[in-house]
C-alpha cells in the first residue's frame, strides 16, 4: 500500500523559499530532485553529513533511496550553488501559528463578544469594528513578516534584529495605541 503525499513536510515548508529560488539553477536542479525524493530533511547539514541520521531518515523513506554517497554529494552541491546565489544553509526554522480563538465569531458579527461601548464611551458599531479589526490584523501580519525579514537580513549583516520594537508596535496597535 502506498501512501499518497498530500502535504509538504515541515522540512519542505522551511526550505520553500530557497527551493523555489533555486528552480532555475541547472547545476542544483538534479540534486534538489534527488534530495526531495529521498527526504527533505537531507537538506539540513546535521542530517546529510551524519551517517547514522542519514540511515535513519532513509530507512523511513518509501522510495528506493539513492546511494549514500550520492546523497552527501547532492547536499554539498546544492548548497554550493545556493550560496553562489546568496542563500545560506538553514540552521533553524520556525513555523508560526496564531491562536484565533473565536475568530469566526468575532468576524461573523456575534455581538456577545463585544463590549457595549468603546474605550471612550461610544456605542460599538459592529461593521466599523469588523473593518478596524481586519485592518489591524492585516497590519500586524505585514509587520510580523517585515520583522522576520529584517531579522533575517540583520543576521546576514551581523546586526541585531528589532524584535522588541516590533513586539511593542504590535501590542500598541492591537490595543488601539498608535
Protein backbone atom coordinates (compact mmCIF):
# COMPACT_ATOMS: atom_id res chain seq x y z
CA UNK A 1 0.00 0.00 0.00
CA UNK A 2 1.43 3.36 -0.98
CA UNK A 3 0.51 6.47 0.91
CA UNK A 4 -0.23 9.44 -1.29
CA UNK A 5 1.61 12.51 -0.11
CA UNK A 6 -0.80 15.40 0.17
CA UNK A 7 1.01 17.96 2.34
CA UNK A 8 4.63 19.07 2.25
CA UNK A 9 6.75 18.08 5.22
CA UNK A 10 7.84 20.63 7.80
CA UNK A 11 11.34 20.50 6.30
CA UNK A 12 9.94 21.24 2.81
CA UNK A 13 7.97 24.20 4.16
CA UNK A 14 11.09 25.54 5.87
CA UNK A 15 13.03 25.18 2.60
CA UNK A 16 10.28 26.56 0.35
CA UNK A 17 11.93 29.93 -0.25
CA UNK A 18 15.34 28.58 -1.26
CA UNK A 19 13.90 25.64 -3.21
CA UNK A 20 11.69 27.96 -5.23
CA UNK A 21 14.51 30.41 -5.91
CA UNK A 22 16.83 27.59 -7.00
CA UNK A 23 14.38 26.25 -9.62
CA UNK A 24 16.28 27.92 -12.45
CA UNK A 25 19.73 26.77 -11.36
CA UNK A 26 20.54 23.85 -13.65
CA UNK A 27 23.57 22.83 -11.54
CA UNK A 28 21.41 22.39 -8.44
CA UNK A 29 18.27 21.02 -10.09
CA UNK A 30 19.18 17.30 -10.16
CA UNK A 31 20.44 17.40 -6.58
CA UNK A 32 17.24 19.14 -5.49
CA UNK A 33 15.18 16.38 -7.11
CA UNK A 34 17.28 13.60 -5.58
CA UNK A 35 17.18 15.09 -2.07
CA UNK A 36 13.46 15.83 -2.21
CA UNK A 37 12.72 12.32 -3.48
CA UNK A 38 14.78 10.84 -0.62
CA UNK A 39 13.62 13.17 2.16
CA UNK A 40 13.71 16.98 2.55
CA UNK A 41 15.39 16.54 5.94
CA UNK A 42 18.56 15.74 3.98
CA UNK A 43 18.91 19.42 3.01
CA UNK A 44 20.00 20.05 6.60
CA UNK A 45 23.68 19.62 7.46
CA UNK A 46 23.18 17.65 10.67
CA UNK A 47 21.15 15.08 8.74
CA UNK A 48 23.04 14.94 5.45
CA UNK A 49 26.52 14.65 6.92
CA UNK A 50 25.76 12.22 9.75
CA UNK A 51 25.78 8.63 8.51
CA UNK A 52 23.59 7.46 11.41
CA UNK A 53 20.97 10.18 10.78
CA UNK A 54 21.01 9.61 7.02
CA UNK A 55 20.44 5.89 7.52
CA UNK A 56 17.58 6.51 9.94
CA UNK A 57 15.92 9.01 7.59
CA UNK A 58 16.39 6.81 4.52
CA UNK A 59 15.12 3.75 6.38
CA UNK A 60 11.76 5.52 6.81
CA UNK A 61 11.56 6.57 3.16
CA UNK A 62 9.05 4.85 0.88
CA UNK A 63 11.13 5.45 -2.25
CA UNK A 64 14.16 3.35 -3.09
CA UNK A 65 16.92 5.51 -1.58
CA UNK A 66 19.78 6.84 -3.65
CA UNK A 67 23.29 5.67 -2.92
CA UNK A 68 24.56 7.14 0.34
CA UNK A 69 27.49 8.92 -1.33
CA UNK A 70 25.09 10.48 -3.87
CA UNK A 71 23.03 11.97 -1.04
CA UNK A 72 26.09 13.55 0.57
CA UNK A 73 27.39 14.88 -2.74
CA UNK A 74 23.97 16.28 -3.66
CA UNK A 75 23.70 18.04 -0.31
CA UNK A 76 27.11 19.66 -0.85
CA UNK A 77 26.45 20.59 -4.49
CA UNK A 78 23.01 22.03 -3.80
CA UNK A 79 24.24 24.34 -1.04
CA UNK A 80 27.36 25.29 -3.00
CA UNK A 81 25.12 26.53 -5.81
CA UNK A 82 22.65 28.12 -3.40
CA UNK A 83 25.45 30.06 -1.68
CA UNK A 84 26.58 31.40 -5.07
CA UNK A 85 23.09 32.89 -5.39
CA UNK A 86 23.17 34.43 -1.92
CA UNK A 87 21.31 31.78 0.06
CA UNK A 88 22.63 30.35 3.28
CA UNK A 89 22.07 26.97 4.82
CA UNK A 90 19.25 26.85 7.28
CA UNK A 91 20.23 26.10 10.83
CA UNK A 92 16.84 26.65 12.40
CA UNK A 93 13.32 27.19 11.27
CA UNK A 94 10.06 28.04 12.92
CA UNK A 95 6.50 27.57 11.89
CA UNK A 96 4.41 30.27 13.49
CA UNK A 97 0.77 29.94 14.31
CA UNK A 98 -1.52 32.39 15.98
CA UNK A 99 -4.30 31.35 18.26
CA UNK A 100 -7.50 32.59 16.70
CA UNK A 101 -9.96 31.61 19.43
CA UNK A 102 -13.44 32.53 18.35
CA UNK A 103 -12.08 34.38 15.29
CA UNK A 104 -15.09 33.26 13.28
CA UNK A 105 -17.43 34.62 15.93
CA UNK A 106 -15.56 37.94 16.06
CA UNK A 107 -15.85 38.43 12.31
CA UNK A 108 -19.32 36.91 11.85
CA UNK A 109 -20.96 39.58 13.96
CA UNK A 110 -21.52 37.67 17.22
CA UNK A 111 -22.05 40.71 19.43
CA UNK A 112 -21.84 38.68 22.64
CA UNK A 113 -18.05 39.05 22.44
CA UNK A 114 -18.11 42.83 22.13
CA UNK A 115 -18.39 45.36 24.91
CA UNK A 116 -21.36 47.71 24.64
CA UNK A 117 -19.13 50.78 24.42
CA UNK A 118 -15.63 51.52 23.17
CA UNK A 119 -12.83 52.95 25.35
CA UNK A 120 -14.15 56.50 25.06
CA UNK A 121 -17.76 55.54 25.79
CA UNK A 122 -19.25 55.49 22.29
CA UNK A 123 -21.55 52.62 21.27
CA UNK A 124 -19.77 49.89 19.30
CA UNK A 125 -20.55 49.93 15.56
CA UNK A 126 -20.22 46.27 14.54
CA UNK A 127 -19.49 46.95 10.88
CA UNK A 128 -16.83 49.53 11.74
CA UNK A 129 -15.39 47.19 14.37
CA UNK A 130 -15.05 44.41 11.78
CA UNK A 131 -13.31 46.76 9.31
CA UNK A 132 -10.95 48.04 12.00
CA UNK A 133 -10.27 44.52 13.26
CA UNK A 134 -9.44 43.29 9.74
CA UNK A 135 -7.22 46.30 9.09
CA UNK A 136 -5.29 45.79 12.33
CA UNK A 137 -4.87 42.06 11.68
CA UNK A 138 -3.52 42.89 8.25
CA UNK A 139 -1.11 45.47 9.68
CA UNK A 140 0.04 43.03 12.31
CA UNK A 141 0.66 40.28 9.71
CA UNK A 142 2.54 42.72 7.45
CA UNK A 143 4.66 43.95 10.33
CA UNK A 144 5.35 40.40 11.56
CA UNK A 145 6.53 39.49 8.05
CA UNK A 146 8.75 42.58 7.93
CA UNK A 147 10.19 41.75 11.36
CA UNK A 148 11.08 38.25 10.22
CA UNK A 149 12.63 39.55 7.00
CA UNK A 150 14.54 42.29 8.87
CA UNK A 151 15.76 39.79 11.45
CA UNK A 152 16.97 37.56 8.63
CA UNK A 153 18.74 40.48 6.90
CA UNK A 154 20.22 41.67 10.20
CA UNK A 155 21.72 38.25 10.84
CA UNK A 156 23.24 38.22 7.34
CA UNK A 157 24.91 41.56 8.11
CA UNK A 158 25.77 40.64 11.70
CA UNK A 159 23.31 43.14 13.17
CA UNK A 160 20.68 42.60 15.83
CA UNK A 161 17.05 42.48 14.76
CA UNK A 162 14.23 44.67 16.02
CA UNK A 163 12.12 42.18 17.96
CA UNK A 164 11.45 44.45 20.94
CA UNK A 165 10.39 47.37 18.74
CA UNK A 166 8.17 45.07 16.68
CA UNK A 167 6.60 43.49 19.74
CA UNK A 168 5.84 46.92 21.21
CA UNK A 169 4.40 48.17 17.92
CA UNK A 170 2.16 45.11 17.58
CA UNK A 171 0.92 45.46 21.16
CA UNK A 172 0.27 49.17 20.75
CA UNK A 173 -1.66 48.78 17.52
CA UNK A 174 -3.77 45.89 18.75
CA UNK A 175 -4.53 47.83 21.95
CA UNK A 176 -5.60 50.91 20.00
CA UNK A 177 -2.44 52.98 20.62
CA UNK A 178 -0.70 54.31 17.53
